[in-house]
Structures are given as structure tokens and as C-alpha cells.
mmCIF file of all heavy atoms, coordinates in Angstrom:
data_MODEL
# 
_entry.id   MODEL 
# 
loop_
_atom_site.group_PDB 
_atom_site.id 
_atom_site.type_symbol 
_atom_site.label_atom_id 
_atom_site.label_alt_id 
_atom_site.label_comp_id 
_atom_site.label_asym_id 
_atom_site.label_entity_id 
_atom_site.label_seq_id 
_atom_site.pdbx_PDB_ins_code 
_atom_site.Cartn_x 
_atom_site.Cartn_y 
_atom_site.Cartn_z 
_atom_site.occupancy 
_atom_site.B_iso_or_equiv 
_atom_site.pdbx_formal_charge 
_atom_site.auth_seq_id 
_atom_site.auth_comp_id 
_atom_site.auth_asym_id 
_atom_site.auth_atom_id 
_atom_site.pdbx_PDB_model_num 
ATOM 1   N N   . ILE A 1 1  ? 0.812   -1.215  0.000   1.00 0.00 ? 1  ILE A N   1 
ATOM 2   C CA  . ILE A 1 1  ? 0.000   0.000   0.000   1.00 0.00 ? 1  ILE A CA  1 
ATOM 3   C C   . ILE A 1 1  ? 0.851   1.275   0.000   1.00 0.00 ? 1  ILE A C   1 
ATOM 4   O O   . ILE A 1 1  ? 0.568   2.209   -0.766  1.00 0.00 ? 1  ILE A O   1 
ATOM 5   C CB  . ILE A 1 1  ? -0.999  -0.010  1.171   1.00 0.00 ? 1  ILE A CB  1 
ATOM 6   C CG1 . ILE A 1 1  ? -2.135  -0.994  0.875   1.00 0.00 ? 1  ILE A CG1 1 
ATOM 7   C CG2 . ILE A 1 1  ? -1.573  1.389   1.432   1.00 0.00 ? 1  ILE A CG2 1 
ATOM 8   C CD1 . ILE A 1 1  ? -3.142  -1.142  1.992   1.00 0.00 ? 1  ILE A CD1 1 
ATOM 9   N N   . PRO A 1 2  ? 1.903   1.388   0.847   1.00 0.00 ? 2  PRO A N   1 
ATOM 10  C CA  . PRO A 1 2  ? 2.694   2.637   0.812   1.00 0.00 ? 2  PRO A CA  1 
ATOM 11  C C   . PRO A 1 2  ? 3.240   2.951   -0.572  1.00 0.00 ? 2  PRO A C   1 
ATOM 12  O O   . PRO A 1 2  ? 3.227   4.112   -1.003  1.00 0.00 ? 2  PRO A O   1 
ATOM 13  C CB  . PRO A 1 2  ? 3.815   2.359   1.814   1.00 0.00 ? 2  PRO A CB  1 
ATOM 14  C CG  . PRO A 1 2  ? 3.231   1.368   2.767   1.00 0.00 ? 2  PRO A CG  1 
ATOM 15  C CD  . PRO A 1 2  ? 2.370   0.486   1.919   1.00 0.00 ? 2  PRO A CD  1 
ATOM 16  N N   . SER A 1 3  ? 3.730   1.938   -1.285  1.00 0.00 ? 3  SER A N   1 
ATOM 17  C CA  . SER A 1 3  ? 4.252   2.166   -2.633  1.00 0.00 ? 3  SER A CA  1 
ATOM 18  C C   . SER A 1 3  ? 3.129   2.447   -3.623  1.00 0.00 ? 3  SER A C   1 
ATOM 19  O O   . SER A 1 3  ? 3.250   3.317   -4.496  1.00 0.00 ? 3  SER A O   1 
ATOM 20  C CB  . SER A 1 3  ? 5.051   0.942   -3.105  1.00 0.00 ? 3  SER A CB  1 
ATOM 21  O OG  . SER A 1 3  ? 6.170   0.725   -2.276  1.00 0.00 ? 3  SER A OG  1 
ATOM 22  N N   . LEU A 1 4  ? 2.019   1.724   -3.490  1.00 0.00 ? 4  LEU A N   1 
ATOM 23  C CA  . LEU A 1 4  ? 0.908   1.903   -4.416  1.00 0.00 ? 4  LEU A CA  1 
ATOM 24  C C   . LEU A 1 4  ? 0.275   3.285   -4.291  1.00 0.00 ? 4  LEU A C   1 
ATOM 25  O O   . LEU A 1 4  ? -0.215  3.848   -5.271  1.00 0.00 ? 4  LEU A O   1 
ATOM 26  C CB  . LEU A 1 4  ? -0.158  0.816   -4.181  1.00 0.00 ? 4  LEU A CB  1 
ATOM 27  C CG  . LEU A 1 4  ? 0.261   -0.617  -4.509  1.00 0.00 ? 4  LEU A CG  1 
ATOM 28  C CD1 . LEU A 1 4  ? -0.766  -1.608  -3.992  1.00 0.00 ? 4  LEU A CD1 1 
ATOM 29  C CD2 . LEU A 1 4  ? 0.442   -0.789  -6.018  1.00 0.00 ? 4  LEU A CD2 1 
ATOM 30  N N   . ARG A 1 5  ? 0.296   3.846   -3.072  1.00 0.00 ? 5  ARG A N   1 
ATOM 31  C CA  . ARG A 1 5  ? -0.355  5.147   -2.852  1.00 0.00 ? 5  ARG A CA  1 
ATOM 32  C C   . ARG A 1 5  ? 0.567   6.334   -3.140  1.00 0.00 ? 5  ARG A C   1 
ATOM 33  O O   . ARG A 1 5  ? 0.121   7.476   -3.120  1.00 0.00 ? 5  ARG A O   1 
ATOM 34  C CB  . ARG A 1 5  ? -0.854  5.248   -1.402  1.00 0.00 ? 5  ARG A CB  1 
ATOM 35  C CG  . ARG A 1 5  ? -2.026  4.368   -1.102  1.00 0.00 ? 5  ARG A CG  1 
ATOM 36  C CD  . ARG A 1 5  ? -2.818  4.837   0.090   1.00 0.00 ? 5  ARG A CD  1 
ATOM 37  N NE  . ARG A 1 5  ? -2.062  4.971   1.317   1.00 0.00 ? 5  ARG A NE  1 
ATOM 38  C CZ  . ARG A 1 5  ? -2.617  4.994   2.525   1.00 0.00 ? 5  ARG A CZ  1 
ATOM 39  N NH1 . ARG A 1 5  ? -3.945  4.896   2.656   1.00 0.00 ? 5  ARG A NH1 1 
ATOM 40  N NH2 . ARG A 1 5  ? -1.884  5.126   3.595   1.00 0.00 ? 5  ARG A NH2 1 
ATOM 41  N N   . GLU A 1 6  ? 1.819   6.066   -3.430  1.00 0.00 ? 6  GLU A N   1 
ATOM 42  C CA  . GLU A 1 6  ? 2.776   7.155   -3.612  1.00 0.00 ? 6  GLU A CA  1 
ATOM 43  C C   . GLU A 1 6  ? 2.399   8.019   -4.816  1.00 0.00 ? 6  GLU A C   1 
ATOM 44  O O   . GLU A 1 6  ? 2.225   7.528   -5.940  1.00 0.00 ? 6  GLU A O   1 
ATOM 45  C CB  . GLU A 1 6  ? 4.184   6.583   -3.803  1.00 0.00 ? 6  GLU A CB  1 
ATOM 46  C CG  . GLU A 1 6  ? 5.265   7.631   -3.797  1.00 0.00 ? 6  GLU A CG  1 
ATOM 47  C CD  . GLU A 1 6  ? 6.656   7.022   -3.811  1.00 0.00 ? 6  GLU A CD  1 
ATOM 48  O OE1 . GLU A 1 6  ? 6.781   5.815   -3.514  1.00 0.00 ? 6  GLU A OE1 1 
ATOM 49  O OE2 . GLU A 1 6  ? 7.613   7.748   -4.122  1.00 0.00 ? 6  GLU A OE2 1 
ATOM 50  N N   . GLY A 1 7  ? 2.260   9.321   -4.577  1.00 0.00 ? 7  GLY A N   1 
ATOM 51  C CA  . GLY A 1 7  ? 1.962   10.262  -5.650  1.00 0.00 ? 7  GLY A CA  1 
ATOM 52  C C   . GLY A 1 7  ? 0.553   10.203  -6.190  1.00 0.00 ? 7  GLY A C   1 
ATOM 53  O O   . GLY A 1 7  ? 0.270   10.763  -7.248  1.00 0.00 ? 7  GLY A O   1 
ATOM 54  N N   . VAL A 1 8  ? -0.358  9.535   -5.475  1.00 0.00 ? 8  VAL A N   1 
ATOM 55  C CA  . VAL A 1 8  ? -1.737  9.395   -5.958  1.00 0.00 ? 8  VAL A CA  1 
ATOM 56  C C   . VAL A 1 8  ? -2.548  10.629  -5.560  1.00 0.00 ? 8  VAL A C   1 
ATOM 57  O O   . VAL A 1 8  ? -2.603  10.983  -4.375  1.00 0.00 ? 8  VAL A O   1 
ATOM 58  C CB  . VAL A 1 8  ? -2.393  8.127   -5.364  1.00 0.00 ? 8  VAL A CB  1 
ATOM 59  C CG1 . VAL A 1 8  ? -3.877  8.072   -5.712  1.00 0.00 ? 8  VAL A CG1 1 
ATOM 60  C CG2 . VAL A 1 8  ? -1.679  6.881   -5.879  1.00 0.00 ? 8  VAL A CG2 1 
ATOM 61  N N   . PRO A 1 9  ? -3.196  11.291  -6.540  1.00 0.00 ? 9  PRO A N   1 
ATOM 62  C CA  . PRO A 1 9  ? -4.029  12.457  -6.199  1.00 0.00 ? 9  PRO A CA  1 
ATOM 63  C C   . PRO A 1 9  ? -5.360  12.026  -5.596  1.00 0.00 ? 9  PRO A C   1 
ATOM 64  O O   . PRO A 1 9  ? -5.701  10.838  -5.582  1.00 0.00 ? 9  PRO A O   1 
ATOM 65  C CB  . PRO A 1 9  ? -4.239  13.131  -7.560  1.00 0.00 ? 9  PRO A CB  1 
ATOM 66  C CG  . PRO A 1 9  ? -4.193  12.002  -8.538  1.00 0.00 ? 9  PRO A CG  1 
ATOM 67  C CD  . PRO A 1 9  ? -3.183  11.024  -7.992  1.00 0.00 ? 9  PRO A CD  1 
ATOM 68  N N   . GLY A 1 10 ? -6.126  12.967  -5.110  1.00 0.00 ? 10 GLY A N   1 
ATOM 69  C CA  . GLY A 1 10 ? -7.425  12.664  -4.551  1.00 0.00 ? 10 GLY A CA  1 
ATOM 70  C C   . GLY A 1 10 ? -8.472  12.486  -5.638  1.00 0.00 ? 10 GLY A C   1 
ATOM 71  O O   . GLY A 1 10 ? -8.202  12.668  -6.829  1.00 0.00 ? 10 GLY A O   1 
ATOM 72  N N   . GLY A 1 11 ? -9.677  12.108  -5.218  1.00 0.00 ? 11 GLY A N   1 
ATOM 73  C CA  . GLY A 1 11 ? -10.795 12.022  -6.132  1.00 0.00 ? 11 GLY A CA  1 
ATOM 74  C C   . GLY A 1 11 ? -10.787 10.805  -7.024  1.00 0.00 ? 11 GLY A C   1 
ATOM 75  O O   . GLY A 1 11 ? -10.011 9.864   -6.862  1.00 0.00 ? 11 GLY A O   1 
ATOM 76  N N   . ALA A 1 12 ? -11.677 10.846  -8.047  1.00 0.00 ? 12 ALA A N   1 
ATOM 77  C CA  . ALA A 1 12 ? -11.857 9.714   -8.954  1.00 0.00 ? 12 ALA A CA  1 
ATOM 78  C C   . ALA A 1 12 ? -10.594 9.415   -9.745  1.00 0.00 ? 12 ALA A C   1 
ATOM 79  O O   . ALA A 1 12 ? -10.288 8.250   -10.043 1.00 0.00 ? 12 ALA A O   1 
ATOM 80  C CB  . ALA A 1 12 ? -13.027 10.001  -9.895  1.00 0.00 ? 12 ALA A CB  1 
ATOM 81  N N   . GLU A 1 13 ? -9.824  10.435  -10.088 1.00 0.00 ? 13 GLU A N   1 
ATOM 82  C CA  . GLU A 1 13 ? -8.578  10.229  -10.836 1.00 0.00 ? 13 GLU A CA  1 
ATOM 83  C C   . GLU A 1 13 ? -7.601  9.379   -10.027 1.00 0.00 ? 13 GLU A C   1 
ATOM 84  O O   . GLU A 1 13 ? -6.956  8.472   -10.562 1.00 0.00 ? 13 GLU A O   1 
ATOM 85  C CB  . GLU A 1 13 ? -7.945  11.581  -11.171 1.00 0.00 ? 13 GLU A CB  1 
ATOM 86  C CG  . GLU A 1 13 ? -6.635  11.471  -11.937 1.00 0.00 ? 13 GLU A CG  1 
ATOM 87  C CD  . GLU A 1 13 ? -5.953  12.814  -12.125 1.00 0.00 ? 13 GLU A CD  1 
ATOM 88  O OE1 . GLU A 1 13 ? -6.556  13.852  -11.763 1.00 0.00 ? 13 GLU A OE1 1 
ATOM 89  O OE2 . GLU A 1 13 ? -4.812  12.832  -12.616 1.00 0.00 ? 13 GLU A OE2 1 
ATOM 90  N N   . GLY A 1 14 ? -7.504  9.661   -8.722  1.00 0.00 ? 14 GLY A N   1 
ATOM 91  C CA  . GLY A 1 14 ? -6.609  8.884   -7.878  1.00 0.00 ? 14 GLY A CA  1 
ATOM 92  C C   . GLY A 1 14 ? -7.080  7.458   -7.711  1.00 0.00 ? 14 GLY A C   1 
ATOM 93  O O   . GLY A 1 14 ? -6.268  6.516   -7.696  1.00 0.00 ? 14 GLY A O   1 
ATOM 94  N N   . THR A 1 15 ? -8.403  7.252   -7.593  1.00 0.00 ? 15 THR A N   1 
ATOM 95  C CA  . THR A 1 15 ? -8.933  5.898   -7.458  1.00 0.00 ? 15 THR A CA  1 
ATOM 96  C C   . THR A 1 15 ? -8.645  5.077   -8.701  1.00 0.00 ? 15 THR A C   1 
ATOM 97  O O   . THR A 1 15 ? -8.271  3.897   -8.618  1.00 0.00 ? 15 THR A O   1 
ATOM 98  C CB  . THR A 1 15 ? -10.450 5.937   -7.198  1.00 0.00 ? 15 THR A CB  1 
ATOM 99  O OG1 . THR A 1 15 ? -10.712 6.684   -6.002  1.00 0.00 ? 15 THR A OG1 1 
ATOM 100 C CG2 . THR A 1 15 ? -11.012 4.536   -7.033  1.00 0.00 ? 15 THR A CG2 1 
ATOM 101 N N   . LEU A 1 16 ? -8.803  5.681   -9.871  1.00 0.00 ? 16 LEU A N   1 
ATOM 102 C CA  . LEU A 1 16 ? -8.516  4.973   -11.122 1.00 0.00 ? 16 LEU A CA  1 
ATOM 103 C C   . LEU A 1 16 ? -7.034  4.607   -11.204 1.00 0.00 ? 16 LEU A C   1 
ATOM 104 O O   . LEU A 1 16 ? -6.677  3.491   -11.617 1.00 0.00 ? 16 LEU A O   1 
ATOM 105 C CB  . LEU A 1 16 ? -8.913  5.841   -12.314 1.00 0.00 ? 16 LEU A CB  1 
ATOM 106 C CG  . LEU A 1 16 ? -8.933  5.147   -13.680 1.00 0.00 ? 16 LEU A CG  1 
ATOM 107 C CD1 . LEU A 1 16 ? -10.054 4.114   -13.725 1.00 0.00 ? 16 LEU A CD1 1 
ATOM 108 C CD2 . LEU A 1 16 ? -9.104  6.164   -14.791 1.00 0.00 ? 16 LEU A CD2 1 
ATOM 109 N N   . LEU A 1 17 ? -6.159  5.512   -10.773 1.00 0.00 ? 17 LEU A N   1 
ATOM 110 C CA  . LEU A 1 17 ? -4.723  5.222   -10.763 1.00 0.00 ? 17 LEU A CA  1 
ATOM 111 C C   . LEU A 1 17 ? -4.417  4.074   -9.812  1.00 0.00 ? 17 LEU A C   1 
ATOM 112 O O   . LEU A 1 17 ? -3.637  3.166   -10.141 1.00 0.00 ? 17 LEU A O   1 
ATOM 113 C CB  . LEU A 1 17 ? -3.955  6.483   -10.353 1.00 0.00 ? 17 LEU A CB  1 
ATOM 114 C CG  . LEU A 1 17 ? -2.439  6.333   -10.137 1.00 0.00 ? 17 LEU A CG  1 
ATOM 115 C CD1 . LEU A 1 17 ? -1.760  5.781   -11.385 1.00 0.00 ? 17 LEU A CD1 1 
ATOM 116 C CD2 . LEU A 1 17 ? -1.823  7.670   -9.740  1.00 0.00 ? 17 LEU A CD2 1 
ATOM 117 N N   . LEU A 1 18 ? -5.024  4.078   -8.629  1.00 0.00 ? 18 LEU A N   1 
ATOM 118 C CA  . LEU A 1 18 ? -4.811  2.993   -7.668  1.00 0.00 ? 18 LEU A CA  1 
ATOM 119 C C   . LEU A 1 18 ? -5.310  1.668   -8.226  1.00 0.00 ? 18 LEU A C   1 
ATOM 120 O O   . LEU A 1 18 ? -4.666  0.629   -8.046  1.00 0.00 ? 18 LEU A O   1 
ATOM 121 C CB  . LEU A 1 18 ? -5.518  3.309   -6.344  1.00 0.00 ? 18 LEU A CB  1 
ATOM 122 C CG  . LEU A 1 18 ? -4.755  4.200   -5.378  1.00 0.00 ? 18 LEU A CG  1 
ATOM 123 C CD1 . LEU A 1 18 ? -5.655  4.654   -4.231  1.00 0.00 ? 18 LEU A CD1 1 
ATOM 124 C CD2 . LEU A 1 18 ? -3.540  3.464   -4.816  1.00 0.00 ? 18 LEU A CD2 1 
ATOM 125 N N   . GLN A 1 19 ? -6.461  1.676   -8.884  1.00 0.00 ? 19 GLN A N   1 
ATOM 126 C CA  . GLN A 1 19 ? -6.970  0.432   -9.453  1.00 0.00 ? 19 GLN A CA  1 
ATOM 127 C C   . GLN A 1 19 ? -6.030  -0.102  -10.521 1.00 0.00 ? 19 GLN A C   1 
ATOM 128 O O   . GLN A 1 19 ? -5.760  -1.306  -10.579 1.00 0.00 ? 19 GLN A O   1 
ATOM 129 C CB  . GLN A 1 19 ? -8.378  0.656   -10.016 1.00 0.00 ? 19 GLN A CB  1 
ATOM 130 C CG  . GLN A 1 19 ? -9.434  0.831   -8.935  1.00 0.00 ? 19 GLN A CG  1 
ATOM 131 C CD  . GLN A 1 19 ? -10.829 1.042   -9.479  1.00 0.00 ? 19 GLN A CD  1 
ATOM 132 O OE1 . GLN A 1 19 ? -11.038 1.189   -10.683 1.00 0.00 ? 19 GLN A OE1 1 
ATOM 133 N NE2 . GLN A 1 19 ? -11.811 1.067   -8.593  1.00 0.00 ? 19 GLN A NE2 1 
ATOM 134 N N   . ALA A 1 20 ? -5.498  0.787   -11.359 1.00 0.00 ? 20 ALA A N   1 
ATOM 135 C CA  . ALA A 1 20 ? -4.550  0.337   -12.390 1.00 0.00 ? 20 ALA A CA  1 
ATOM 136 C C   . ALA A 1 20 ? -3.307  -0.274  -11.742 1.00 0.00 ? 20 ALA A C   1 
ATOM 137 O O   . ALA A 1 20 ? -2.829  -1.337  -12.171 1.00 0.00 ? 20 ALA A O   1 
ATOM 138 C CB  . ALA A 1 20 ? -4.168  1.516   -13.283 1.00 0.00 ? 20 ALA A CB  1 
ATOM 139 N N   . ARG A 1 21 ? -2.770  0.374   -10.727 1.00 0.00 ? 21 ARG A N   1 
ATOM 140 C CA  . ARG A 1 21 ? -1.586  -0.152  -10.054 1.00 0.00 ? 21 ARG A CA  1 
ATOM 141 C C   . ARG A 1 21 ? -1.891  -1.483  -9.367  1.00 0.00 ? 21 ARG A C   1 
ATOM 142 O O   . ARG A 1 21 ? -1.096  -2.434  -9.441  1.00 0.00 ? 21 ARG A O   1 
ATOM 143 C CB  . ARG A 1 21 ? -1.081  0.861   -9.032  1.00 0.00 ? 21 ARG A CB  1 
ATOM 144 C CG  . ARG A 1 21 ? -0.427  2.093   -9.661  1.00 0.00 ? 21 ARG A CG  1 
ATOM 145 C CD  . ARG A 1 21 ? 0.026   3.087   -8.592  1.00 0.00 ? 21 ARG A CD  1 
ATOM 146 N NE  . ARG A 1 21 ? 0.757   4.216   -9.173  1.00 0.00 ? 21 ARG A NE  1 
ATOM 147 C CZ  . ARG A 1 21 ? 1.259   5.227   -8.459  1.00 0.00 ? 21 ARG A CZ  1 
ATOM 148 N NH1 . ARG A 1 21 ? 1.090   5.255   -7.129  1.00 0.00 ? 21 ARG A NH1 1 
ATOM 149 N NH2 . ARG A 1 21 ? 1.923   6.207   -9.056  1.00 0.00 ? 21 ARG A NH2 1 
ATOM 150 N N   . CYS A 1 22 ? -3.029  -1.553  -8.683  1.00 0.00 ? 22 CYS A N   1 
ATOM 151 C CA  . CYS A 1 22 ? -3.378  -2.778  -7.955  1.00 0.00 ? 22 CYS A CA  1 
ATOM 152 C C   . CYS A 1 22 ? -3.579  -3.954  -8.902  1.00 0.00 ? 22 CYS A C   1 
ATOM 153 O O   . CYS A 1 22 ? -3.043  -5.045  -8.684  1.00 0.00 ? 22 CYS A O   1 
ATOM 154 C CB  . CYS A 1 22 ? -4.636  -2.555  -7.120  1.00 0.00 ? 22 CYS A CB  1 
ATOM 155 S SG  . CYS A 1 22 ? -4.409  -1.525  -5.659  1.00 0.00 ? 22 CYS A SG  1 
ATOM 156 N N   . PHE A 1 23 ? -4.364  -3.749  -9.960  1.00 0.00 ? 23 PHE A N   1 
ATOM 157 C CA  . PHE A 1 23 ? -4.596  -4.839  -10.907 1.00 0.00 ? 23 PHE A CA  1 
ATOM 158 C C   . PHE A 1 23 ? -3.311  -5.219  -11.634 1.00 0.00 ? 23 PHE A C   1 
ATOM 159 O O   . PHE A 1 23 ? -3.069  -6.401  -11.903 1.00 0.00 ? 23 PHE A O   1 
ATOM 160 C CB  . PHE A 1 23 ? -5.673  -4.436  -11.925 1.00 0.00 ? 23 PHE A CB  1 
ATOM 161 C CG  . PHE A 1 23 ? -7.065  -4.421  -11.367 1.00 0.00 ? 23 PHE A CG  1 
ATOM 162 C CD1 . PHE A 1 23 ? -7.862  -3.290  -11.452 1.00 0.00 ? 23 PHE A CD1 1 
ATOM 163 C CD2 . PHE A 1 23 ? -7.592  -5.543  -10.744 1.00 0.00 ? 23 PHE A CD2 1 
ATOM 164 C CE1 . PHE A 1 23 ? -9.148  -3.271  -10.951 1.00 0.00 ? 23 PHE A CE1 1 
ATOM 165 C CE2 . PHE A 1 23 ? -8.879  -5.547  -10.228 1.00 0.00 ? 23 PHE A CE2 1 
ATOM 166 C CZ  . PHE A 1 23 ? -9.661  -4.401  -10.326 1.00 0.00 ? 23 PHE A CZ  1 
ATOM 167 N N   . GLY A 1 24 ? -2.479  -4.238  -11.954 1.00 0.00 ? 24 GLY A N   1 
ATOM 168 C CA  . GLY A 1 24 ? -1.223  -4.535  -12.633 1.00 0.00 ? 24 GLY A CA  1 
ATOM 169 C C   . GLY A 1 24 ? -0.276  -5.328  -11.754 1.00 0.00 ? 24 GLY A C   1 
ATOM 170 O O   . GLY A 1 24 ? 0.284   -6.343  -12.179 1.00 0.00 ? 24 GLY A O   1 
ATOM 171 N N   . VAL A 1 25 ? -0.101  -4.889  -10.510 1.00 0.00 ? 25 VAL A N   1 
ATOM 172 C CA  . VAL A 1 25 ? 0.776   -5.595  -9.572  1.00 0.00 ? 25 VAL A CA  1 
ATOM 173 C C   . VAL A 1 25 ? 0.228   -6.982  -9.260  1.00 0.00 ? 25 VAL A C   1 
ATOM 174 O O   . VAL A 1 25 ? 0.988   -7.948  -9.112  1.00 0.00 ? 25 VAL A O   1 
ATOM 175 C CB  . VAL A 1 25 ? 0.942   -4.762  -8.276  1.00 0.00 ? 25 VAL A CB  1 
ATOM 176 C CG1 . VAL A 1 25 ? 1.530   -5.614  -7.162  1.00 0.00 ? 25 VAL A CG1 1 
ATOM 177 C CG2 . VAL A 1 25 ? 1.819   -3.552  -8.539  1.00 0.00 ? 25 VAL A CG2 1 
ATOM 178 N N   . ALA A 1 26 ? -1.101  -7.107  -9.175  1.00 0.00 ? 26 ALA A N   1 
ATOM 179 C CA  . ALA A 1 26 ? -1.711  -8.406  -8.875  1.00 0.00 ? 26 ALA A CA  1 
ATOM 180 C C   . ALA A 1 26 ? -1.619  -9.369  -10.047 1.00 0.00 ? 26 ALA A C   1 
ATOM 181 O O   . ALA A 1 26 ? -1.824  -10.576 -9.879  1.00 0.00 ? 26 ALA A O   1 
ATOM 182 C CB  . ALA A 1 26 ? -3.175  -8.209  -8.488  1.00 0.00 ? 26 ALA A CB  1 
ATOM 183 N N   . GLY A 1 27 ? -1.308  -8.868  -11.235 1.00 0.00 ? 27 GLY A N   1 
ATOM 184 C CA  . GLY A 1 27 ? -1.247  -9.727  -12.412 1.00 0.00 ? 27 GLY A CA  1 
ATOM 185 C C   . GLY A 1 27 ? -2.618  -10.142 -12.903 1.00 0.00 ? 27 GLY A C   1 
ATOM 186 O O   . GLY A 1 27 ? -2.766  -11.194 -13.527 1.00 0.00 ? 27 GLY A O   1 
ATOM 187 N N   . LEU A 1 28 ? -3.646  -9.328  -12.611 1.00 0.00 ? 28 LEU A N   1 
ATOM 188 C CA  . LEU A 1 28 ? -5.018  -9.707  -12.940 1.00 0.00 ? 28 LEU A CA  1 
ATOM 189 C C   . LEU A 1 28 ? -5.651  -8.842  -14.024 1.00 0.00 ? 28 LEU A C   1 
ATOM 190 O O   . LEU A 1 28 ? -6.870  -8.858  -14.196 1.00 0.00 ? 28 LEU A O   1 
ATOM 191 C CB  . LEU A 1 28 ? -5.892  -9.654  -11.675 1.00 0.00 ? 28 LEU A CB  1 
ATOM 192 C CG  . LEU A 1 28 ? -5.612  -10.732 -10.634 1.00 0.00 ? 28 LEU A CG  1 
ATOM 193 C CD1 . LEU A 1 28 ? -6.530  -10.573 -9.439  1.00 0.00 ? 28 LEU A CD1 1 
ATOM 194 C CD2 . LEU A 1 28 ? -5.782  -12.122 -11.236 1.00 0.00 ? 28 LEU A CD2 1 
# 
């Protein structure tokens, strides 16, 4: 989580960025 949240802005844009990072790192 600390690495995934680094540099993430607030709002819907940040959530979309987090989802991309999470799904990418998860290999899913």
C-alpha cells in the first residue's frame, strides 16, 4: 500500500490510478 499510494491524487482520478496499479501488480 505505501508504494501503491505514492503520488496518488485525490478524487476519482486517484482511485482509477490505484486500481490500475493494484490490478497490474496483482497480475489480474
